[in-house]
């Protein structure tokens, strides 16, 4: 159910049994959804940075309605975490960027997001790294997101995506 999409800015594609989000443009986000509908969820995915952008974003989406209305829970390659939303196309932080004191991301790692009632939690390798509350959305699709800041060339491989009820 995941998209295979390619343009000059990057691609989303299955690659050797994993799902890749690749970004070839600075200050760019790519996300994808499997077109499912959920209420409260716990989302788990394993990921590996295939090509580093040094400070690239890697994350999970929940409560996705359309490109202008969803929640994103992210970490960066250089050790920050954030929870934000698009609400009617406007970017708003649910939890401000926070330094989470992790080593630069290498190897295979796990992200887990819980989106339960108005509470959002993001775990990196089973350690809670950021939390926030927001009551804008109660349901929606789930998904994956990756992004770049000033550097280009980010490639993230995702695997073993799992969605469960709390």
N, C-alpha and C. Protein backbone atom coordinates (compact mmCIF):
# COMPACT_ATOMS: atom_id res chain seq x y z
N UNK A 1 0.79 -1.21 0.00
CA UNK A 1 0.00 0.00 0.00
C UNK A 1 0.82 1.26 0.00
N UNK A 2 2.14 1.19 0.03
CA UNK A 2 2.98 2.37 0.04
C UNK A 2 3.27 2.82 -1.39
N UNK A 3 3.40 4.12 -1.58
CA UNK A 3 3.65 4.68 -2.90
C UNK A 3 5.06 4.38 -3.40
N UNK A 4 5.18 4.20 -4.71
CA UNK A 4 6.45 4.26 -5.43
C UNK A 4 6.38 5.53 -6.25
N UNK A 5 7.22 6.50 -5.92
CA UNK A 5 7.14 7.80 -6.57
C UNK A 5 8.56 8.34 -6.77
N UNK A 6 8.83 8.91 -7.93
CA UNK A 6 10.14 9.49 -8.23
C UNK A 6 9.95 10.80 -8.98
N UNK A 7 10.71 11.83 -8.57
CA UNK A 7 10.83 13.07 -9.33
C UNK A 7 12.21 13.65 -9.06
N UNK A 8 12.49 14.86 -9.52
CA UNK A 8 13.81 15.45 -9.35
C UNK A 8 14.17 15.69 -7.88
N UNK A 9 13.17 15.82 -7.02
CA UNK A 9 13.40 16.09 -5.61
C UNK A 9 13.75 14.85 -4.80
N UNK A 10 13.40 13.66 -5.32
CA UNK A 10 13.70 12.43 -4.61
C UNK A 10 12.79 11.30 -5.03
N UNK A 11 12.66 10.33 -4.11
CA UNK A 11 11.80 9.19 -4.44
C UNK A 11 11.35 8.47 -3.17
N UNK A 12 10.28 7.73 -3.32
CA UNK A 12 9.83 6.76 -2.33
C UNK A 12 9.66 5.46 -3.10
N UNK A 13 10.33 4.39 -2.63
CA UNK A 13 10.36 3.16 -3.42
C UNK A 13 10.73 1.98 -2.53
N UNK A 14 10.24 0.79 -2.90
CA UNK A 14 10.71 -0.43 -2.25
C UNK A 14 12.08 -0.76 -2.79
N UNK A 15 13.03 -1.10 -1.91
CA UNK A 15 14.40 -1.36 -2.30
C UNK A 15 14.94 -2.52 -1.47
N UNK A 16 15.14 -3.67 -2.10
CA UNK A 16 15.67 -4.85 -1.40
C UNK A 16 14.89 -5.19 -0.14
N UNK A 17 13.56 -5.18 -0.24
CA UNK A 17 12.71 -5.57 0.88
C UNK A 17 12.48 -4.48 1.91
N UNK A 18 13.04 -3.30 1.70
CA UNK A 18 12.83 -2.18 2.61
C UNK A 18 12.18 -1.04 1.83
N UNK A 19 11.64 -0.08 2.56
CA UNK A 19 11.01 1.06 1.91
C UNK A 19 11.93 2.26 2.07
N UNK A 20 12.31 2.87 0.96
CA UNK A 20 13.25 3.98 0.98
C UNK A 20 12.54 5.31 0.73
N UNK A 21 12.91 6.30 1.55
CA UNK A 21 12.59 7.69 1.23
C UNK A 21 13.94 8.36 0.97
N UNK A 22 14.10 8.86 -0.25
CA UNK A 22 15.33 9.54 -0.65
C UNK A 22 14.99 10.98 -1.02
N UNK A 23 15.83 11.91 -0.56
CA UNK A 23 15.58 13.32 -0.83
C UNK A 23 16.82 13.94 -1.47
N UNK A 24 16.63 14.56 -2.63
CA UNK A 24 17.72 15.15 -3.39
C UNK A 24 17.67 16.67 -3.42
N UNK A 25 16.97 17.26 -2.47
CA UNK A 25 16.74 18.70 -2.47
C UNK A 25 16.88 19.23 -1.05
N UNK A 26 17.44 20.41 -0.89
CA UNK A 26 17.57 21.03 0.43
C UNK A 26 16.20 21.54 0.90
N UNK A 27 16.01 21.53 2.21
CA UNK A 27 14.79 22.02 2.85
C UNK A 27 13.54 21.40 2.22
N UNK A 28 13.51 20.08 2.23
CA UNK A 28 12.43 19.35 1.57
C UNK A 28 11.94 18.22 2.46
N UNK A 29 10.65 17.94 2.41
CA UNK A 29 10.05 16.82 3.13
C UNK A 29 9.38 15.89 2.14
N UNK A 30 9.54 14.60 2.38
CA UNK A 30 8.76 13.59 1.68
C UNK A 30 8.05 12.76 2.73
N UNK A 31 6.79 12.47 2.49
CA UNK A 31 6.08 11.55 3.37
C UNK A 31 5.20 10.65 2.53
N UNK A 32 4.78 9.56 3.16
CA UNK A 32 3.97 8.58 2.47
C UNK A 32 3.04 7.91 3.47
N UNK A 33 1.90 7.46 2.97
CA UNK A 33 0.88 6.83 3.81
C UNK A 33 0.35 5.58 3.13
N UNK A 34 -0.07 4.58 3.92
CA UNK A 34 -0.62 3.36 3.32
C UNK A 34 -2.12 3.43 3.05
N UNK A 35 -2.76 4.57 3.25
CA UNK A 35 -4.20 4.74 3.06
C UNK A 35 -5.02 3.82 3.97
N UNK A 36 -4.75 3.91 5.26
CA UNK A 36 -5.50 3.19 6.30
C UNK A 36 -6.08 4.23 7.25
N UNK A 37 -7.02 3.85 8.07
CA UNK A 37 -7.68 4.79 8.96
C UNK A 37 -7.63 4.23 10.38
N UNK A 38 -7.15 5.02 11.32
CA UNK A 38 -6.98 4.56 12.70
C UNK A 38 -7.45 5.63 13.68
N UNK A 39 -7.77 5.19 14.88
CA UNK A 39 -8.00 6.09 16.01
C UNK A 39 -6.70 6.16 16.80
N UNK A 40 -6.73 5.73 18.05
CA UNK A 40 -5.52 5.68 18.87
C UNK A 40 -4.62 4.55 18.39
N UNK A 41 -3.31 4.85 18.23
CA UNK A 41 -2.38 3.85 17.70
C UNK A 41 -1.01 3.95 18.35
N UNK A 42 -0.30 2.84 18.25
CA UNK A 42 1.13 2.78 18.53
C UNK A 42 1.78 2.31 17.23
N UNK A 43 2.73 3.07 16.74
CA UNK A 43 3.37 2.80 15.46
C UNK A 43 4.85 2.54 15.72
N UNK A 44 5.34 1.44 15.17
CA UNK A 44 6.73 1.07 15.35
C UNK A 44 7.35 0.82 13.99
N UNK A 45 8.58 1.31 13.80
CA UNK A 45 9.30 1.06 12.55
C UNK A 45 10.81 1.05 12.83
N UNK A 46 11.48 0.15 12.15
CA UNK A 46 12.94 0.11 12.18
C UNK A 46 13.43 0.92 10.99
N UNK A 47 14.54 1.63 11.17
CA UNK A 47 15.08 2.44 10.09
C UNK A 47 16.59 2.42 10.11
N UNK A 48 17.15 2.73 8.95
CA UNK A 48 18.60 2.87 8.82
C UNK A 48 18.87 4.02 7.86
N UNK A 49 19.78 4.91 8.24
CA UNK A 49 20.18 5.99 7.35
C UNK A 49 21.14 5.39 6.34
N UNK A 50 20.70 5.35 5.10
CA UNK A 50 21.48 4.78 4.00
C UNK A 50 22.50 5.79 3.48
N UNK A 51 22.08 7.04 3.32
CA UNK A 51 22.94 8.16 2.93
C UNK A 51 22.60 9.31 3.86
N UNK A 52 23.60 9.83 4.54
CA UNK A 52 23.37 10.87 5.54
C UNK A 52 23.34 12.27 4.94
N UNK A 53 22.47 13.11 5.49
CA UNK A 53 22.46 14.54 5.21
C UNK A 53 22.96 15.30 6.44
N UNK A 54 23.53 14.60 7.39
CA UNK A 54 24.11 15.08 8.64
C UNK A 54 23.06 15.54 9.65
N UNK A 55 22.04 16.26 9.21
CA UNK A 55 21.00 16.73 10.13
C UNK A 55 19.60 16.41 9.60
N UNK A 56 19.49 15.37 8.78
CA UNK A 56 18.20 15.01 8.19
C UNK A 56 17.18 14.58 9.23
N UNK A 57 15.90 14.76 8.89
CA UNK A 57 14.78 14.37 9.74
C UNK A 57 14.31 12.96 9.37
N UNK A 58 13.90 12.21 10.39
CA UNK A 58 13.34 10.87 10.21
C UNK A 58 12.17 10.76 11.15
N UNK A 59 11.02 10.30 10.65
CA UNK A 59 9.90 10.26 11.57
C UNK A 59 8.71 9.45 11.13
N UNK A 60 7.69 9.57 11.97
CA UNK A 60 6.43 8.84 11.84
C UNK A 60 5.29 9.85 11.79
N UNK A 61 4.30 9.57 10.96
CA UNK A 61 3.10 10.38 10.91
C UNK A 61 1.95 9.65 11.59
N UNK A 62 1.07 10.39 12.19
CA UNK A 62 -0.19 9.83 12.65
C UNK A 62 -1.28 10.87 12.47
N UNK A 63 -2.51 10.40 12.51
CA UNK A 63 -3.68 11.26 12.39
C UNK A 63 -3.65 12.07 11.08
N UNK A 64 -3.15 11.44 10.03
CA UNK A 64 -3.05 12.08 8.72
C UNK A 64 -4.42 12.12 8.04
N UNK A 65 -4.84 13.31 7.64
CA UNK A 65 -6.09 13.49 6.90
C UNK A 65 -5.83 13.86 5.46
N UNK A 66 -4.88 14.78 5.24
CA UNK A 66 -4.51 15.23 3.91
C UNK A 66 -3.19 15.99 4.07
N UNK A 67 -2.57 16.46 2.97
CA UNK A 67 -1.27 17.13 3.10
C UNK A 67 -1.28 18.38 3.98
N UNK A 68 -2.44 18.88 4.33
CA UNK A 68 -2.53 20.08 5.15
C UNK A 68 -2.96 19.82 6.59
N UNK A 69 -3.19 18.54 6.96
CA UNK A 69 -3.71 18.22 8.29
C UNK A 69 -3.18 16.88 8.77
N UNK A 70 -2.16 16.92 9.65
CA UNK A 70 -1.58 15.70 10.21
C UNK A 70 -0.61 16.05 11.33
N UNK A 71 -0.12 15.02 12.03
CA UNK A 71 0.88 15.16 13.09
C UNK A 71 2.13 14.38 12.68
N UNK A 72 3.31 14.97 12.92
CA UNK A 72 4.60 14.33 12.66
C UNK A 72 5.42 14.28 13.94
N UNK A 73 6.02 13.13 14.19
CA UNK A 73 6.91 12.94 15.34
C UNK A 73 8.27 12.57 14.76
N UNK A 74 9.29 13.41 14.98
CA UNK A 74 10.56 13.26 14.28
C UNK A 74 11.77 13.34 15.21
N UNK A 75 12.85 12.72 14.74
CA UNK A 75 14.18 12.94 15.29
C UNK A 75 15.07 13.40 14.14
N UNK A 76 16.20 13.98 14.48
CA UNK A 76 17.17 14.36 13.45
C UNK A 76 18.42 13.52 13.62
N UNK A 77 19.16 13.42 12.54
CA UNK A 77 20.41 12.64 12.58
C UNK A 77 21.38 13.17 13.62
N UNK A 78 21.32 14.47 13.90
CA UNK A 78 22.27 15.06 14.84
C UNK A 78 21.71 15.21 16.26
N UNK A 79 20.60 14.51 16.57
CA UNK A 79 20.20 14.38 17.96
C UNK A 79 19.14 15.32 18.50
N UNK A 80 18.18 15.71 17.70
CA UNK A 80 17.07 16.52 18.18
C UNK A 80 15.75 15.79 17.93
N UNK A 81 14.74 16.13 18.70
CA UNK A 81 13.41 15.55 18.53
C UNK A 81 12.38 16.67 18.53
N UNK A 82 11.26 16.41 17.85
CA UNK A 82 10.22 17.42 17.71
C UNK A 82 8.90 16.72 17.41
N UNK A 83 7.81 17.33 17.84
CA UNK A 83 6.47 16.89 17.44
C UNK A 83 5.77 18.13 16.90
N UNK A 84 5.24 18.00 15.69
CA UNK A 84 4.60 19.15 15.05
C UNK A 84 3.39 18.69 14.26
N UNK A 85 2.63 19.68 13.81
CA UNK A 85 1.45 19.35 13.00
C UNK A 85 1.29 20.39 11.90
N UNK A 86 0.64 19.97 10.86
CA UNK A 86 0.05 20.89 9.90
C UNK A 86 -1.43 20.93 10.24
N UNK A 87 -1.94 22.12 10.45
CA UNK A 87 -3.37 22.31 10.69
C UNK A 87 -3.85 23.34 9.68
N UNK A 88 -4.68 22.89 8.76
CA UNK A 88 -5.13 23.72 7.66
C UNK A 88 -3.95 24.36 6.92
N UNK A 89 -2.88 23.56 6.74
CA UNK A 89 -1.71 23.99 5.98
C UNK A 89 -0.71 24.84 6.74
N UNK A 90 -0.97 25.10 8.01
CA UNK A 90 -0.08 25.93 8.82
C UNK A 90 0.74 25.05 9.76
N UNK A 91 2.08 25.23 9.73
CA UNK A 91 2.99 24.50 10.62
C UNK A 91 2.85 25.02 12.05
N UNK A 92 2.68 24.08 13.00
CA UNK A 92 2.61 24.44 14.42
C UNK A 92 3.33 23.37 15.23
N UNK A 93 4.13 23.79 16.18
CA UNK A 93 4.82 22.84 17.04
C UNK A 93 3.90 22.37 18.16
N UNK A 94 3.89 21.07 18.39
CA UNK A 94 3.21 20.48 19.54
C UNK A 94 4.20 20.38 20.69
N UNK A 95 5.44 20.02 20.38
CA UNK A 95 6.54 20.02 21.34
C UNK A 95 7.75 20.61 20.64
N UNK A 96 8.37 21.62 21.21
CA UNK A 96 9.48 22.32 20.59
C UNK A 96 10.67 21.40 20.36
N UNK A 97 11.51 21.76 19.38
CA UNK A 97 12.74 21.00 19.14
C UNK A 97 13.50 20.87 20.45
N UNK A 98 13.96 19.67 20.70
CA UNK A 98 14.65 19.37 21.96
C UNK A 98 15.87 18.52 21.67
N UNK A 99 17.02 18.89 22.23
CA UNK A 99 18.23 18.08 22.09
C UNK A 99 18.06 16.82 22.93
N UNK A 100 18.29 15.66 22.33
CA UNK A 100 18.04 14.40 23.04
C UNK A 100 19.32 13.61 23.32
N UNK A 101 20.47 14.23 23.08
CA UNK A 101 21.76 13.67 23.47
C UNK A 101 21.97 12.24 22.99
N UNK A 102 21.70 11.98 21.73
CA UNK A 102 22.03 10.67 21.15
C UNK A 102 23.25 10.84 20.27
N UNK A 103 23.99 9.76 20.11
CA UNK A 103 25.11 9.79 19.19
C UNK A 103 24.55 9.94 17.78
N UNK A 104 25.36 10.45 16.85
CA UNK A 104 24.86 10.49 15.47
C UNK A 104 24.31 9.12 15.07
N UNK A 105 23.22 9.16 14.35
CA UNK A 105 22.50 7.93 14.02
C UNK A 105 23.27 7.09 13.02
N UNK A 106 23.61 5.89 13.43
CA UNK A 106 24.23 4.91 12.55
C UNK A 106 23.57 3.57 12.80
N UNK A 107 23.61 2.69 11.82
CA UNK A 107 23.06 1.35 11.98
C UNK A 107 21.54 1.34 11.99
N UNK A 108 21.02 0.21 12.39
CA UNK A 108 19.57 -0.02 12.43
C UNK A 108 19.02 0.44 13.78
N UNK A 109 17.98 1.26 13.76
CA UNK A 109 17.39 1.83 14.97
C UNK A 109 15.88 1.74 14.89
N UNK A 110 15.23 1.88 16.05
CA UNK A 110 13.78 1.78 16.10
C UNK A 110 13.17 3.10 16.55
N UNK A 111 12.10 3.49 15.84
CA UNK A 111 11.26 4.61 16.27
C UNK A 111 9.89 4.05 16.62
N UNK A 112 9.33 4.54 17.71
CA UNK A 112 7.98 4.17 18.11
C UNK A 112 7.24 5.46 18.46
N UNK A 113 6.06 5.59 17.90
CA UNK A 113 5.21 6.75 18.20
C UNK A 113 3.91 6.25 18.79
N UNK A 114 3.48 6.86 19.88
CA UNK A 114 2.15 6.57 20.40
C UNK A 114 1.32 7.83 20.24
N UNK A 115 0.15 7.64 19.64
CA UNK A 115 -0.80 8.73 19.39
C UNK A 115 -2.10 8.28 20.03
N UNK A 116 -2.27 8.64 21.30
CA UNK A 116 -3.38 8.16 22.10
C UNK A 116 -4.12 9.35 22.71
N UNK A 117 -5.39 9.45 22.37
CA UNK A 117 -6.23 10.59 22.76
C UNK A 117 -5.52 11.88 22.35
N UNK A 118 -5.20 12.78 23.28
CA UNK A 118 -4.50 14.01 22.90
C UNK A 118 -3.01 13.97 23.24
N UNK A 119 -2.49 12.77 23.58
CA UNK A 119 -1.10 12.61 24.00
C UNK A 119 -0.26 11.98 22.88
N UNK A 120 0.88 12.60 22.60
CA UNK A 120 1.83 12.10 21.59
C UNK A 120 3.17 11.85 22.26
N UNK A 121 3.73 10.65 22.02
CA UNK A 121 5.04 10.28 22.58
C UNK A 121 5.89 9.69 21.46
N UNK A 122 7.18 10.04 21.47
CA UNK A 122 8.12 9.47 20.51
C UNK A 122 9.24 8.80 21.28
N UNK A 123 9.51 7.55 20.90
CA UNK A 123 10.56 6.74 21.50
C UNK A 123 11.62 6.44 20.45
N UNK A 124 12.87 6.55 20.84
CA UNK A 124 14.01 6.19 20.00
C UNK A 124 14.70 5.02 20.68
N UNK A 125 14.72 3.87 20.02
CA UNK A 125 15.29 2.65 20.60
C UNK A 125 14.71 2.39 22.00
N UNK A 126 13.39 2.50 22.09
CA UNK A 126 12.61 2.22 23.29
C UNK A 126 12.80 3.21 24.44
N UNK A 127 13.47 4.32 24.19
CA UNK A 127 13.62 5.37 25.21
C UNK A 127 12.77 6.57 24.82
N UNK A 128 11.91 7.02 25.73
CA UNK A 128 11.08 8.19 25.47
C UNK A 128 11.97 9.41 25.29
N UNK A 129 11.81 10.09 24.13
CA UNK A 129 12.65 11.26 23.86
C UNK A 129 11.88 12.57 23.82
N UNK A 130 10.57 12.51 23.57
CA UNK A 130 9.78 13.74 23.55
C UNK A 130 8.30 13.40 23.66
N UNK A 131 7.56 14.30 24.29
CA UNK A 131 6.11 14.14 24.46
C UNK A 131 5.43 15.48 24.22
N UNK A 132 4.15 15.40 23.87
CA UNK A 132 3.37 16.61 23.71
C UNK A 132 1.88 16.31 23.72
N UNK A 133 1.09 17.33 23.90
CA UNK A 133 -0.36 17.18 23.91
C UNK A 133 -0.99 18.13 22.91
N UNK A 134 -2.01 17.62 22.21
CA UNK A 134 -2.74 18.43 21.25
C UNK A 134 -4.05 17.71 20.95
N UNK A 135 -5.13 18.46 20.85
CA UNK A 135 -6.43 17.81 20.62
C UNK A 135 -7.03 18.14 19.25
N UNK A 136 -6.18 18.51 18.29
CA UNK A 136 -6.68 18.88 16.96
C UNK A 136 -7.26 17.71 16.18
N UNK A 137 -6.67 16.52 16.32
CA UNK A 137 -7.10 15.36 15.55
C UNK A 137 -7.31 14.17 16.49
N UNK A 138 -8.29 13.34 16.19
CA UNK A 138 -8.55 12.14 17.00
C UNK A 138 -8.37 10.85 16.20
N UNK A 139 -8.18 10.96 14.89
CA UNK A 139 -8.05 9.78 14.04
C UNK A 139 -7.38 10.18 12.74
N UNK A 140 -7.12 9.19 11.90
CA UNK A 140 -6.53 9.45 10.59
C UNK A 140 -5.57 8.35 10.20
N UNK A 141 -4.87 8.56 9.11
CA UNK A 141 -3.91 7.59 8.57
C UNK A 141 -2.60 7.69 9.35
N UNK A 142 -1.70 6.77 9.09
CA UNK A 142 -0.36 6.76 9.64
C UNK A 142 0.61 6.90 8.47
N UNK A 143 1.90 7.04 8.76
CA UNK A 143 2.86 7.13 7.66
C UNK A 143 4.28 7.34 8.12
N UNK A 144 5.14 7.55 7.14
CA UNK A 144 6.56 7.78 7.34
C UNK A 144 6.93 9.11 6.73
N UNK A 145 7.95 9.77 7.31
CA UNK A 145 8.39 11.07 6.81
C UNK A 145 9.90 11.17 6.94
N UNK A 146 10.52 11.86 6.00
CA UNK A 146 11.94 12.18 6.07
C UNK A 146 12.12 13.56 5.44
N UNK A 147 13.15 14.27 5.88
CA UNK A 147 13.35 15.61 5.36
C UNK A 147 14.79 16.07 5.48
N UNK A 148 15.09 17.14 4.75
CA UNK A 148 16.42 17.72 4.78
C UNK A 148 16.32 19.18 5.23
N UNK A 149 17.44 19.67 5.68
CA UNK A 149 17.57 21.09 6.01
C UNK A 149 18.44 21.72 4.91
N UNK A 150 19.68 22.04 5.19
CA UNK A 150 20.52 22.68 4.19
C UNK A 150 21.23 21.68 3.29
N UNK A 151 21.55 20.51 3.81
CA UNK A 151 22.26 19.50 3.01
C UNK A 151 21.26 18.69 2.19
N UNK A 152 21.74 18.10 1.13
CA UNK A 152 20.90 17.25 0.29
C UNK A 152 21.44 15.83 0.31
N UNK A 153 20.68 14.89 -0.24
CA UNK A 153 21.16 13.53 -0.42
C UNK A 153 20.76 12.56 0.67
N UNK A 154 19.74 12.84 1.45
CA UNK A 154 19.30 11.93 2.50
C UNK A 154 18.60 10.71 1.91
N UNK A 155 18.95 9.54 2.41
CA UNK A 155 18.25 8.30 2.06
C UNK A 155 18.04 7.51 3.34
N UNK A 156 16.77 7.20 3.63
CA UNK A 156 16.43 6.44 4.83
C UNK A 156 15.70 5.18 4.39
N UNK A 157 16.13 4.04 4.92
CA UNK A 157 15.48 2.75 4.66
C UNK A 157 14.63 2.39 5.87
N UNK A 158 13.36 2.11 5.64
CA UNK A 158 12.42 1.74 6.70
C UNK A 158 12.05 0.28 6.54
N UNK A 159 11.83 -0.41 7.67
CA UNK A 159 11.50 -1.84 7.62
C UNK A 159 10.66 -2.21 8.85
N UNK A 160 9.92 -3.28 8.72
CA UNK A 160 9.14 -3.85 9.83
C UNK A 160 8.19 -2.82 10.45
N UNK A 161 7.44 -2.14 9.60
CA UNK A 161 6.44 -1.15 10.04
C UNK A 161 5.27 -1.88 10.68
N UNK A 162 4.92 -1.48 11.91
CA UNK A 162 3.86 -2.17 12.63
C UNK A 162 2.96 -1.16 13.33
N UNK A 163 1.66 -1.35 13.20
CA UNK A 163 0.67 -0.49 13.85
C UNK A 163 -0.18 -1.38 14.76
N UNK A 164 -0.32 -0.96 16.03
CA UNK A 164 -1.13 -1.72 16.98
C UNK A 164 -2.05 -0.77 17.73
N UNK A 165 -3.09 -1.33 18.31
CA UNK A 165 -3.98 -0.57 19.18
C UNK A 165 -3.37 -0.54 20.58
N UNK A 166 -3.55 0.56 21.32
CA UNK A 166 -2.98 0.63 22.68
C UNK A 166 -3.66 -0.36 23.62
